[in-house]
């Protein structure tokens, strides 16, 4: 496929926000794409060269990208910078000033391979080499092709196409929506949509059905539903296993040979950050291959006190790792076994997975089994929950003993029950920042006073506003937030954001903050869960209780359906 043809589809995608039109456009595109290119087309649509767990990211700073555009267009770099500030869009800047030649008609593979070569280039002088290569690529592209390549390289492609939309379109491209369930399952087990699409094109539904757990490919985590009381949990699933809910970060560990790979909940490699976990797994599972899942927390090894989530998250850094490991050593509380020596354990019942884990994991200073208790009735579950809260822990996760591990799915196989306080929601929400207000009074010096936040609507593939929040930030966090958001400013409302509220500054959906509130109300101002009456959902007295969620991406934001579920747990319905 010619790059110009793919770009024509990008243009069609960019001007529509209608879900059915997105499906139709993508399905038409996928019918044209060959087996040899489908994986690359998928990755380009996702705005990435490869899934995050491969650790390859083009991530070129705009100043270098502008130098490449200036070189291609034979324009002074300072003059181009002024023009860019006027235009406000790196893609439109490239479209206007790159002097390419449409007659060269590069293929999708040629363009992808050129960008990949730039991404993996390293060493002394690599920045100048990258600029030269990108400038050379621009000189071979038409203006409209340059627009989308520039956005891709800057990490700002943003076609409003989520993974769920791509999966649906893949199924439709083969004329069978019934394929969707099999595609979902395969994607959740391997987290690589490009590879999945290639297998689908090569081998059809039989190839997809044969996909299973694979070492080195993170499994998308199973997710919890919520209920507000032990009574409701026992009524819903009966006798269950209640596990302690630890307030750390989700960690999935893969061991192949002597190599250990650690992944975050959004499938990013975190192996170098946590050397003590790597070493412990190498020791305990010597000669074995395994995939474990659990929660990692910083711990005081003398008092055995578990540190807060905020302290634990200090371990997620690329520098001073040994010093941080010494000051805040981690304990890995393992709660699931997903693979062992060639056997996919996701099909096994929770009881069988837990039993095997107990056989495998000895008492260890770094790795231990998550605490769990079999509970037969409401009384025993309530007592355990109260004891857990008294210990300062977050709560419980009730698990159905006979349930398999449902990768990537949120259902009542797992139900979380968290401590709550008077006049506060029974659970926090992870909200995506989509804009901000510059503030007034003493906050003007930070450039941010209030943020506009949104939940994610998986059904419609967009972010919908639910709250403006100005409470809960420290001054240092506001400084940090201002620096982060300044790099993702959008001069127009991002296409994947549905909002009737207009902030002072729009930003691309990227960062999540953890938020709680007194309650959820109905609101005519916000778009989350909006019904035929025009009423959506909003948070009353919201406050940030957790700064940027480094372990989550924008599409991990709380879903609209979860907000509605929390609202329904409340006793009263109110209009804002």
Protein backbone atom coordinates (compact mmCIF):
# COMPACT_ATOMS: atom_id res chain seq x y z
CA UNK A 1 0.00 0.00 0.00
CA UNK A 2 1.24 3.47 -0.85
CA UNK A 3 1.69 5.82 2.07
CA UNK A 4 -0.47 8.36 0.24
CA UNK A 5 -3.35 5.88 0.27
CA UNK A 6 -3.03 5.27 4.01
CA UNK A 7 -2.90 9.02 4.62
CA UNK A 8 -6.15 9.45 2.68
CA UNK A 9 -7.77 7.17 5.26
CA UNK A 10 -6.16 9.18 8.07
CA UNK A 11 -7.82 12.29 6.65
CA UNK A 12 -11.21 10.60 6.65
CA UNK A 13 -10.73 9.39 10.21
CA UNK A 14 -9.69 12.85 11.36
CA UNK A 15 -12.90 14.55 10.30
CA UNK A 16 -15.39 12.16 11.88
CA UNK A 17 -16.21 11.35 15.48
CA UNK A 18 -19.10 9.03 14.64
CA UNK A 19 -18.41 5.55 15.88
CA UNK A 20 -20.09 3.68 13.04
CA UNK A 21 -18.26 5.81 10.48
CA UNK A 22 -14.94 5.00 12.17
CA UNK A 23 -15.72 1.28 11.94
CA UNK A 24 -16.68 1.60 8.30
CA UNK A 25 -13.59 3.61 7.32
CA UNK A 26 -11.23 1.25 9.14
CA UNK A 27 -12.93 -1.86 7.76
CA UNK A 28 -12.51 -0.48 4.23
CA UNK A 29 -8.85 0.26 4.96
CA UNK A 30 -8.19 -3.22 6.33
CA UNK A 31 -9.70 -4.80 3.21
CA UNK A 32 -7.04 -3.03 1.12
CA UNK A 33 -4.05 -3.84 3.31
CA UNK A 34 -1.87 -6.86 2.52
CA UNK A 35 -0.69 -9.47 5.01
CA UNK A 36 2.85 -8.10 4.88
CA UNK A 37 1.72 -4.62 5.95
CA UNK A 38 -1.24 -5.09 8.28
CA UNK A 39 0.87 -5.11 11.46
CA UNK A 40 2.60 -1.86 10.49
CA UNK A 41 -0.68 -0.20 9.57
CA UNK A 42 -2.13 -1.17 12.96
CA UNK A 43 0.88 0.21 14.83
CA UNK A 44 0.72 3.48 12.88
CA UNK A 45 -3.00 3.82 13.68
CA UNK A 46 -2.13 3.28 17.35
CA UNK A 47 0.50 6.02 17.14
CA UNK A 48 3.36 3.69 18.06
CA UNK A 49 6.12 1.75 16.33
CA UNK A 50 5.59 -1.32 18.50
CA UNK A 51 3.60 -2.09 21.66
CA UNK A 52 5.00 -0.40 24.80
CA UNK A 53 6.55 -3.59 26.19
CA UNK A 54 9.13 -3.61 23.36
CA UNK A 55 10.53 -0.36 24.73
CA UNK A 56 10.94 1.27 21.29
CA UNK A 57 9.56 4.77 21.11
CA UNK A 58 10.30 7.41 18.48
CA UNK A 59 9.66 10.19 21.02
CA UNK A 60 11.59 12.90 19.16
CA UNK A 61 11.53 16.28 20.89
CA UNK A 62 9.76 18.99 18.93
CA UNK A 63 12.89 21.14 18.71
CA UNK A 64 14.67 18.38 16.79
CA UNK A 65 11.60 17.66 14.69
CA UNK A 66 11.44 21.35 13.76
CA UNK A 67 15.11 21.25 12.75
CA UNK A 68 14.34 18.35 10.41
CA UNK A 69 11.40 20.24 8.90
CA UNK A 70 13.54 23.37 8.51
CA UNK A 71 16.28 21.39 6.77
CA UNK A 72 13.80 19.71 4.45
CA UNK A 73 12.12 23.01 3.59
CA UNK A 74 15.37 24.97 3.36
CA UNK A 75 14.09 27.52 5.87
CA UNK A 76 15.86 29.15 8.80
CA UNK A 77 15.18 27.21 12.01
CA UNK A 78 14.37 30.33 14.03
CA UNK A 79 11.95 31.56 11.38
CA UNK A 80 10.28 28.14 11.35
CA UNK A 81 9.92 28.21 15.13
CA UNK A 82 8.05 31.51 14.88
CA UNK A 83 5.80 30.08 12.18
CA UNK A 84 5.16 26.97 14.25
CA UNK A 85 4.09 29.06 17.23
CA UNK A 86 1.62 30.87 15.00
CA UNK A 87 0.25 27.68 13.43
CA UNK A 88 0.21 25.69 16.68
CA UNK A 89 0.27 22.25 15.04
CA UNK A 90 3.48 20.38 14.21
CA UNK A 91 1.73 18.46 11.45
CA UNK A 92 0.34 21.52 9.70
CA UNK A 93 3.76 23.14 10.03
CA UNK A 94 5.37 20.19 8.25
CA UNK A 95 2.64 20.20 5.62
CA UNK A 96 3.28 23.85 4.85
CA UNK A 97 7.09 23.96 4.87
CA UNK A 98 8.41 20.50 3.93
CA UNK A 99 9.36 20.48 0.26
CA UNK A 100 8.74 16.89 -0.68
CA UNK A 101 7.88 15.19 -3.93
CA UNK A 102 4.63 13.28 -4.27
CA UNK A 103 6.00 11.46 -7.32
CA UNK A 104 8.28 9.28 -5.18
CA UNK A 105 5.20 7.51 -3.79
CA UNK A 106 6.77 5.64 -0.88
CA UNK A 107 4.99 2.59 0.48
CA UNK A 108 3.72 2.25 4.04
CA UNK A 109 6.51 -0.24 4.78
CA UNK A 110 9.19 2.12 3.47
CA UNK A 111 7.96 4.97 5.64
CA UNK A 112 7.52 2.75 8.72
CA UNK A 113 10.98 1.23 8.30
CA UNK A 114 12.57 4.67 7.94
CA UNK A 115 10.94 5.88 11.17
CA UNK A 116 11.94 2.66 12.94
CA UNK A 117 15.55 3.16 11.88
CA UNK A 118 15.46 6.65 13.38
CA UNK A 119 13.93 5.38 16.62
CA UNK A 120 16.54 2.69 17.32
CA UNK A 121 19.52 4.86 16.42
CA UNK A 122 21.69 5.68 19.42
CA UNK A 123 25.19 6.65 20.45
CA UNK A 124 27.34 9.72 20.01
CA UNK A 125 26.08 12.05 17.31
CA UNK A 126 22.81 10.16 16.95
CA UNK A 127 20.65 13.28 17.36
CA UNK A 128 22.15 14.92 14.28
CA UNK A 129 21.88 11.64 12.38
CA UNK A 130 18.20 11.33 13.32
CA UNK A 131 17.53 14.87 12.15
CA UNK A 132 19.28 14.15 8.84
CA UNK A 133 17.34 10.92 8.28
CA UNK A 134 14.01 12.51 9.14
CA UNK A 135 14.74 15.47 6.89
CA UNK A 136 15.56 13.03 4.09
CA UNK A 137 12.28 11.22 4.69
CA UNK A 138 10.33 14.49 4.60
CA UNK A 139 11.95 15.30 1.25
CA UNK A 140 10.42 12.12 -0.18
CA UNK A 141 6.89 12.80 1.09
CA UNK A 142 4.04 14.90 -0.20
CA UNK A 143 2.95 17.76 2.07
CA UNK A 144 -0.06 15.86 3.43
CA UNK A 145 2.07 12.77 4.09
CA UNK A 146 4.60 14.96 5.92
CA UNK A 147 1.77 16.29 8.10
CA UNK A 148 0.90 12.87 9.49
CA UNK A 149 4.47 11.63 9.73
CA UNK A 150 5.40 14.72 11.76
CA UNK A 151 2.48 14.16 14.11
CA UNK A 152 3.40 10.49 14.48
CA UNK A 153 7.04 11.27 15.27
CA UNK A 154 5.94 13.90 17.81
CA UNK A 155 3.55 11.42 19.46
CA UNK A 156 0.56 13.55 18.45
CA UNK A 157 -1.13 11.53 15.71
CA UNK A 158 -4.32 11.08 17.76
CA UNK A 159 -6.83 9.84 15.20
CA UNK A 160 -9.38 9.06 17.90
CA UNK A 161 -9.07 5.34 17.24
CA UNK A 162 -8.79 3.15 20.35
CA UNK A 163 -7.86 -0.51 20.48
CA UNK A 164 -11.49 -1.58 20.89
CA UNK A 165 -12.38 0.27 17.69
CA UNK A 166 -9.53 -1.40 15.81
CA UNK A 167 -10.60 -4.85 17.02
CA UNK A 168 -14.18 -4.24 15.92
CA UNK A 169 -13.02 -3.02 12.51
CA UNK A 170 -10.75 -6.04 12.05
CA UNK A 171 -13.69 -8.34 12.66
CA UNK A 172 -15.89 -6.36 10.26
CA UNK A 173 -13.19 -6.36 7.58
CA UNK A 174 -13.59 -10.13 7.37
CA UNK A 175 -17.35 -9.81 7.32
CA UNK A 176 -17.90 -11.57 10.64
CA UNK A 177 -18.59 -9.54 13.76
CA UNK A 178 -18.69 -12.88 15.58
CA UNK A 179 -14.88 -12.92 15.31
CA UNK A 180 -14.74 -10.07 17.84
CA UNK A 181 -14.82 -12.25 20.97
CA UNK A 182 -11.92 -14.39 19.72
CA UNK A 183 -9.94 -11.30 18.73
CA UNK A 184 -10.51 -9.73 22.15
CA UNK A 185 -9.34 -12.86 23.93
CA UNK A 186 -6.19 -13.15 21.82
CA UNK A 187 -5.37 -9.46 22.27
CA UNK A 188 -5.83 -9.58 26.04
CA UNK A 189 -3.47 -12.56 26.24
CA UNK A 190 -0.66 -11.01 24.16
CA UNK A 191 -1.14 -7.20 24.17
CA UNK A 192 0.14 -6.94 20.58
CA UNK A 193 -2.58 -5.85 18.18
CA UNK A 194 -0.30 -5.68 15.15
CA UNK A 195 0.92 -9.25 15.60
CA UNK A 196 -2.64 -10.38 16.25
CA UNK A 197 -3.87 -8.75 13.02
CA UNK A 198 -1.11 -10.41 11.01
CA UNK A 199 -2.02 -13.86 12.36
CA UNK A 200 -5.69 -13.11 11.65
CA UNK A 201 -4.85 -12.21 8.03
CA UNK A 202 -2.62 -15.25 7.58
CA UNK A 203 -4.65 -17.95 9.32
CA UNK A 204 -8.11 -16.55 9.99
CA UNK A 205 -10.18 -17.59 12.98
CA UNK A 206 -8.19 -20.82 13.45
CA UNK A 207 -4.99 -18.84 13.85
CA UNK A 208 -6.62 -16.55 16.39
CA UNK A 209 -8.05 -19.49 18.34
CA UNK A 210 -4.54 -20.97 18.58
CA UNK A 211 -3.08 -17.86 20.24
CA UNK A 212 -2.23 -18.44 23.88
CA UNK A 213 -0.11 -16.99 26.65
CA UNK A 214 3.43 -16.23 25.50
CA UNK A 215 6.45 -15.40 27.62
CA UNK A 216 7.61 -11.84 27.05
CA UNK A 217 4.16 -10.67 25.95
CA UNK A 218 2.34 -9.11 28.92
CA UNK A 219 -1.17 -10.35 29.63
CA UNK A 220 -3.67 -7.55 30.10
CA UNK A 221 -4.74 -7.60 33.75
CA UNK A 222 -8.05 -8.96 34.98
CA UNK A 223 -10.12 -6.17 36.53
CA UNK A 224 -12.47 -5.90 39.50
CA UNK A 225 -16.09 -4.93 39.69
CA UNK A 226 -17.32 -2.97 42.71
CA UNK A 227 -19.96 -3.64 45.33
CA UNK A 228 -20.56 -1.55 48.43
CA UNK A 229 -20.95 -4.17 51.18
CA UNK A 230 -20.08 -7.74 52.21
CA UNK A 231 -23.80 -8.57 52.04
CA UNK A 232 -23.92 -7.69 48.35
CA UNK A 233 -20.78 -9.68 47.62
CA UNK A 234 -22.01 -12.88 49.26
CA UNK A 235 -25.39 -12.46 47.58
CA UNK A 236 -23.65 -12.04 44.21
CA UNK A 237 -21.04 -14.83 44.24
CA UNK A 238 -21.63 -16.82 47.43
CA UNK A 239 -18.70 -18.23 49.46
CA UNK A 240 -15.49 -16.70 48.18
CA UNK A 241 -11.81 -16.17 48.78
CA UNK A 242 -11.05 -12.74 50.22
CA UNK A 243 -7.60 -11.39 49.38
CA UNK A 244 -5.97 -8.37 50.95
CA UNK A 245 -6.01 -5.40 48.56
CA UNK A 246 -2.58 -3.82 48.67
CA UNK A 247 -2.12 -0.18 47.69
CA UNK A 248 0.94 -0.57 45.50
CA UNK A 249 1.44 -1.00 41.78
CA UNK A 250 0.38 -3.96 39.68
CA UNK A 251 3.34 -5.98 38.46
CA UNK A 252 3.48 -8.91 36.07
CA UNK A 253 6.68 -10.96 36.07
CA UNK A 254 7.77 -13.22 33.18
CA UNK A 255 10.74 -15.58 33.51
CA UNK A 256 12.19 -17.28 30.44
CA UNK A 257 15.46 -19.12 30.97
CA UNK A 258 17.28 -16.92 33.45
CA UNK A 259 15.83 -13.72 32.00
CA UNK A 260 13.17 -11.95 34.05
CA UNK A 261 10.91 -9.31 32.52
CA UNK A 262 8.69 -7.08 34.65
CA UNK A 263 5.72 -5.22 33.19
CA UNK A 264 3.43 -2.50 34.53
CA UNK A 265 -0.35 -2.70 34.26
CA UNK A 266 -0.16 -0.73 31.00
CA UNK A 267 2.38 -3.19 29.54
CA UNK A 268 5.52 -1.07 29.89
CA UNK A 269 8.83 -2.71 30.78
CA UNK A 270 9.93 -1.88 34.32
CA UNK A 271 12.59 -4.58 34.76
CA UNK A 272 15.62 -2.33 35.48
CA UNK A 273 13.73 -0.42 38.18
CA UNK A 274 13.20 -3.36 40.54
CA UNK A 275 16.40 -5.44 40.78
CA UNK A 276 15.39 -7.11 44.06
CA UNK A 277 12.26 -8.62 42.47
CA UNK A 278 14.26 -9.84 39.47
CA UNK A 279 16.87 -11.49 41.69
CA UNK A 280 14.28 -13.14 43.94
CA UNK A 281 12.40 -14.63 40.97
CA UNK A 282 15.64 -15.93 39.45
CA UNK A 283 16.43 -17.66 42.74
CA UNK A 284 12.99 -19.08 43.58
CA UNK A 285 12.16 -20.21 40.05
CA UNK A 286 15.61 -21.43 38.97
CA UNK A 287 15.22 -23.83 36.05
CA UNK A 288 11.55 -22.91 35.56
CA UNK A 289 9.56 -20.64 33.27
CA UNK A 290 6.72 -18.72 34.83
CA UNK A 291 4.36 -15.75 34.68
CA UNK A 292 3.30 -14.28 38.02
CA UNK A 293 1.02 -11.39 38.84
CA UNK A 294 0.89 -9.38 42.01
CA UNK A 295 1.21 -6.04 43.74
CA UNK A 296 4.56 -4.48 44.66
CA UNK A 297 4.88 -2.20 47.69
CA UNK A 298 7.71 -0.42 49.44
CA UNK A 299 8.25 -1.88 52.89
CA UNK A 300 10.23 -1.19 56.05
CA UNK A 301 12.10 -4.47 56.47
CA UNK A 302 12.67 -3.91 60.19
CA UNK A 303 9.13 -3.02 61.27
CA UNK A 304 7.43 -4.74 58.29
CA UNK A 305 5.38 -1.57 57.83
CA UNK A 306 3.99 -1.11 54.33
CA UNK A 307 4.60 2.34 52.89
CA UNK A 308 1.94 4.38 51.09
CA UNK A 309 1.32 4.28 47.36
CA UNK A 310 2.96 7.70 46.99
CA UNK A 311 6.16 6.43 48.64
CA UNK A 312 6.10 3.21 46.64
CA UNK A 313 5.80 5.10 43.35
CA UNK A 314 9.15 6.77 44.04
CA UNK A 315 10.67 3.44 43.01
CA UNK A 316 9.43 3.89 39.45
CA UNK A 317 12.43 5.79 38.17
CA UNK A 318 15.29 5.27 35.73
CA UNK A 319 18.05 6.84 37.81
CA UNK A 320 19.50 6.28 41.30
CA UNK A 321 17.88 2.84 41.31
CA UNK A 322 20.26 1.23 43.81
CA UNK A 323 19.91 4.11 46.26
CA UNK A 324 16.12 3.98 46.08
CA UNK A 325 16.14 0.19 46.44
CA UNK A 326 18.15 0.58 49.62
CA UNK A 327 15.89 3.30 51.06
CA UNK A 328 12.57 1.81 49.94
CA UNK A 329 12.96 -1.94 49.34
CA UNK A 330 10.03 -3.65 47.66
CA UNK A 331 7.96 -6.66 48.60
CA UNK A 332 6.13 -8.44 45.79
CA UNK A 333 2.77 -9.82 46.98
CA UNK A 334 1.93 -12.47 44.38
CA UNK A 335 -1.76 -13.23 43.92
CA UNK A 336 -1.91 -15.15 40.64
CA UNK A 337 -0.16 -17.75 38.52
CA UNK A 338 -0.76 -17.34 34.78
CA UNK A 339 1.82 -19.67 33.22
CA UNK A 340 4.21 -22.39 34.38
CA UNK A 341 6.61 -24.51 32.33
CA UNK A 342 4.58 -24.57 29.14
CA UNK A 343 1.14 -24.69 30.77
CA UNK A 344 -1.32 -21.81 30.38
CA UNK A 345 -2.89 -21.44 33.83
CA UNK A 346 -5.40 -18.75 32.85
CA UNK A 347 -7.92 -21.53 32.10
CA UNK A 348 -7.56 -23.05 35.58
CA UNK A 349 -9.87 -22.12 38.42
CA UNK A 350 -8.72 -19.57 40.97
CA UNK A 351 -8.56 -22.33 43.59
CA UNK A 352 -6.20 -24.43 41.46
CA UNK A 353 -4.01 -21.46 40.56
CA UNK A 354 -3.72 -20.43 44.19
CA UNK A 355 -2.94 -23.98 45.32
CA UNK A 356 -0.10 -24.23 42.82
CA UNK A 357 1.26 -20.84 43.88
CA UNK A 358 1.37 -22.00 47.49
CA UNK A 359 3.50 -24.96 46.42
CA UNK A 360 5.90 -22.77 44.46
CA UNK A 361 6.56 -19.75 46.68
CA UNK A 362 8.47 -20.23 49.94
CA UNK A 363 8.74 -17.65 52.67
CA UNK A 364 10.97 -14.95 51.24
CA UNK A 365 11.92 -11.43 52.21
CA UNK A 366 11.05 -10.06 48.77
CA UNK A 367 8.36 -12.35 47.32
CA UNK A 368 5.40 -13.66 49.27
CA UNK A 369 1.86 -14.83 48.68
CA UNK A 370 -0.86 -12.23 49.04
CA UNK A 371 -2.85 -12.89 52.19
CA UNK A 372 -6.18 -14.61 51.60
CA UNK A 373 -8.96 -16.20 53.64
CA UNK A 374 -11.86 -18.42 52.55
CA UNK A 375 -15.10 -16.77 53.68
CA UNK A 376 -18.38 -18.65 53.79
CA UNK A 377 -20.79 -15.91 54.80
CA UNK A 378 -21.38 -12.21 55.31
CA UNK A 379 -20.29 -12.29 58.95
CA UNK A 380 -16.83 -13.72 58.26
CA UNK A 381 -16.30 -11.43 55.27
CA UNK A 382 -17.35 -8.35 57.29
CA UNK A 383 -15.06 -9.28 60.16
CA UNK A 384 -12.10 -9.79 57.84
CA UNK A 385 -12.80 -6.50 56.09
CA UNK A 386 -12.91 -4.59 59.39
CA UNK A 387 -9.67 -6.22 60.54
CA UNK A 388 -8.02 -5.28 57.25
CA UNK A 389 -9.06 -1.63 57.52
CA UNK A 390 -7.87 -1.49 61.15
CA UNK A 391 -4.43 -2.59 59.92
CA UNK A 392 -4.38 0.47 57.66
CA UNK A 393 -4.76 -1.56 54.47
CA UNK A 394 -6.94 -0.56 51.55
CA UNK A 395 -9.57 -3.29 51.64
CA UNK A 396 -10.32 -6.69 50.11
CA UNK A 397 -10.80 -8.34 46.75
CA UNK A 398 -13.39 -11.13 46.86
CA UNK A 399 -12.72 -13.82 44.26
CA UNK A 400 -14.91 -16.60 42.95
CA UNK A 401 -13.12 -19.89 43.71
CA UNK A 402 -14.17 -21.55 40.44
CA UNK A 403 -13.39 -18.62 38.11
CA UNK A 404 -10.68 -18.69 35.42
CA UNK A 405 -8.38 -15.71 34.91
CA UNK A 406 -10.26 -13.41 32.52
CA UNK A 407 -7.51 -11.28 30.97
CA UNK A 408 -8.51 -7.69 30.22
CA UNK A 409 -12.08 -8.19 31.45
CA UNK A 410 -13.97 -6.48 34.24
CA UNK A 411 -16.56 -8.79 35.77
CA UNK A 412 -17.83 -10.19 39.06
CA UNK A 413 -15.23 -12.94 39.23
CA UNK A 414 -13.28 -10.37 41.25
CA UNK A 415 -15.04 -7.77 43.40
CA UNK A 416 -13.24 -5.08 45.34
CA UNK A 417 -14.43 -3.75 48.66
CA UNK A 418 -12.51 -0.68 49.80
CA UNK A 419 -12.60 1.33 52.97
CA UNK A 420 -14.66 4.51 52.74
CA UNK A 421 -15.18 7.46 54.97
CA UNK A 422 -18.21 9.50 55.83
CA UNK A 423 -19.42 11.55 52.86
CA UNK A 424 -16.99 9.92 50.47
CA UNK A 425 -17.30 7.58 47.51
CA UNK A 426 -16.70 3.89 48.16
CA UNK A 427 -13.82 3.96 45.68
CA UNK A 428 -11.50 6.41 43.98
CA UNK A 429 -11.49 7.15 40.26
CA UNK A 430 -8.60 7.49 37.84
CA UNK A 431 -9.43 10.51 35.68
CA UNK A 432 -7.69 11.76 32.56
CA UNK A 433 -6.63 15.41 32.37
CA UNK A 434 -7.97 16.96 29.15
CA UNK A 435 -7.53 20.66 29.92
CA UNK A 436 -6.78 23.23 32.59
CA UNK A 437 -7.52 26.74 33.79
CA UNK A 438 -4.62 29.11 34.39
CA UNK A 439 -5.83 30.06 37.85
CA UNK A 440 -5.93 33.23 39.84
CA UNK A 441 -4.43 34.61 43.03
CA UNK A 442 -1.32 32.81 44.27
CA UNK A 443 -1.79 30.00 41.73
CA UNK A 444 -1.11 32.27 38.77
CA UNK A 445 2.62 31.70 39.34
CA UNK A 446 2.14 27.99 38.58
CA UNK A 447 0.13 28.59 35.42
CA UNK A 448 -2.47 26.05 36.58
CA UNK A 449 -5.33 26.58 38.97
CA UNK A 450 -7.86 23.90 38.08
CA UNK A 451 -7.81 20.85 35.81
CA UNK A 452 -10.64 19.56 33.62
CA UNK A 453 -10.87 15.78 33.90
CA UNK A 454 -12.66 13.04 32.03
CA UNK A 455 -13.55 9.37 32.18
CA UNK A 456 -13.16 7.08 29.17
CA UNK A 457 -16.18 5.79 27.30
CA UNK A 458 -15.12 2.45 25.83
CA UNK A 459 -18.33 2.10 23.86
CA UNK A 460 -17.84 5.38 22.02
CA UNK A 461 -14.05 5.47 22.12
CA UNK A 462 -13.72 8.95 23.61
CA UNK A 463 -13.08 10.86 26.83
CA UNK A 464 -16.08 12.51 28.49
CA UNK A 465 -15.80 15.19 31.14
CA UNK A 466 -16.85 14.52 34.70
CA UNK A 467 -15.23 17.17 36.88
CA UNK A 468 -13.13 20.30 37.30
CA UNK A 469 -10.66 19.82 40.16
CA UNK A 470 -8.48 22.31 41.97
CA UNK A 471 -8.01 20.66 45.36
CA UNK A 472 -5.43 18.15 46.51
CA UNK A 473 -2.26 19.35 44.76
CA UNK A 474 0.86 20.47 46.60
CA UNK A 475 2.78 23.44 45.20
CA UNK A 476 5.53 21.13 43.95
CA UNK A 477 2.95 18.95 42.21
CA UNK A 478 1.49 22.01 40.47
CA UNK A 479 4.98 22.94 39.24
CA UNK A 480 5.51 19.38 37.99
CA UNK A 481 2.06 19.24 36.42
CA UNK A 482 2.58 22.55 34.61
CA UNK A 483 5.84 21.27 33.12
CA UNK A 484 4.22 18.03 31.95
CA UNK A 485 1.09 19.58 30.48
CA UNK A 486 3.01 22.31 28.66
CA UNK A 487 4.44 19.58 26.41
CA UNK A 488 1.05 18.22 25.33
CA UNK A 489 -0.95 21.42 24.77
CA UNK A 490 -3.50 21.20 21.97
CA UNK A 491 -4.57 24.41 20.25
CA UNK A 492 -7.98 22.90 19.59
CA UNK A 493 -10.16 20.48 21.52
CA UNK A 494 -8.68 17.01 20.94
CA UNK A 495 -10.86 14.93 18.65
CA UNK A 496 -11.24 12.15 21.19
CA UNK A 497 -12.56 14.50 23.88
CA UNK A 498 -16.31 15.09 24.24
CA UNK A 499 -16.78 18.27 26.25
CA UNK A 500 -19.14 21.21 26.31
CA UNK A 501 -16.95 22.94 28.87
CA UNK A 502 -14.09 24.95 27.35
CA UNK A 503 -10.98 25.29 29.57
CA UNK A 504 -8.35 27.97 29.16
CA UNK A 505 -5.99 25.37 27.69
CA UNK A 506 -6.71 22.01 26.05
CA UNK A 507 -4.21 19.16 26.41
CA UNK A 508 -3.94 15.80 24.69
CA UNK A 509 -5.25 12.94 26.87
CA UNK A 510 -2.16 11.41 28.47
CA UNK A 511 -2.02 11.75 32.25
CA UNK A 512 -4.27 10.24 34.92
CA UNK A 513 -4.79 11.47 38.48
CA UNK A 514 -6.50 9.55 41.27
CA UNK A 515 -9.53 11.39 42.60
CA UNK A 516 -12.16 10.94 45.27
CA UNK A 517 -15.27 12.99 46.01
CA UNK A 518 -18.16 13.23 48.42
CA UNK A 519 -20.60 11.84 45.88
CA UNK A 520 -21.57 11.56 42.24
CA UNK A 521 -24.40 13.81 41.06
CA UNK A 522 -26.35 14.32 37.84
CA UNK A 523 -25.17 17.31 35.86
CA UNK A 524 -26.20 19.22 32.76
CA UNK A 525 -22.64 20.50 32.37
CA UNK A 526 -20.67 17.29 31.92
CA UNK A 527 -20.87 14.72 29.14
CA UNK A 528 -19.99 11.51 31.03
CA UNK A 529 -22.99 9.17 30.82
CA UNK A 530 -25.24 11.82 29.29
CA UNK A 531 -28.76 10.52 28.62
CA UNK A 532 -31.71 11.70 26.52
CA UNK A 533 -32.52 14.40 29.09
CA UNK A 534 -29.09 15.94 28.62
CA UNK A 535 -27.96 15.02 32.15
CA UNK A 536 -24.53 13.50 32.62
CA UNK A 537 -22.59 12.69 35.78
CA UNK A 538 -20.32 14.91 37.85
CA UNK A 539 -18.28 14.71 41.05
CA UNK A 540 -19.31 16.76 44.08
CA UNK A 541 -16.39 18.20 46.08
CA UNK A 542 -13.70 16.31 44.16
CA UNK A 543 -10.07 16.27 45.31
CA UNK A 544 -6.90 14.70 44.01
CA UNK A 545 -5.61 11.97 46.32
CA UNK A 546 -2.95 10.54 44.03
CA UNK A 547 -0.69 12.47 41.67
CA UNK A 548 0.12 11.31 38.13
CA UNK A 549 -0.48 7.57 37.72
CA UNK A 550 2.82 6.57 36.11
CA UNK A 551 1.59 2.97 35.92
CA UNK A 552 -1.43 3.77 33.75
CA UNK A 553 -2.08 5.24 30.33
CA UNK A 554 -5.02 7.41 29.22
CA UNK A 555 -7.17 4.48 28.12
CA UNK A 556 -6.88 3.02 31.63
CA UNK A 557 -9.01 5.88 32.93
CA UNK A 558 -12.15 4.96 34.86
CA UNK A 559 -14.85 3.94 32.40
CA UNK A 560 -18.24 5.66 32.18
CA UNK A 561 -19.92 2.40 33.20
CA UNK A 562 -17.94 2.39 36.45
CA UNK A 563 -19.12 5.92 37.27
CA UNK A 564 -22.72 4.87 36.68
CA UNK A 565 -22.18 1.81 38.89
CA UNK A 566 -20.78 3.97 41.71
CA UNK A 567 -23.68 6.39 41.30
CA UNK A 568 -26.18 3.55 41.61
CA UNK A 569 -24.56 2.47 44.88
CA UNK A 570 -25.57 5.78 46.40
CA UNK A 571 -28.86 6.05 48.20
CA UNK A 572 -29.99 9.35 46.76
CA UNK A 573 -30.16 10.71 43.24
CA UNK A 574 -29.49 14.42 42.96
CA UNK A 575 -29.30 16.98 40.21
CA UNK A 576 -26.39 19.38 40.25
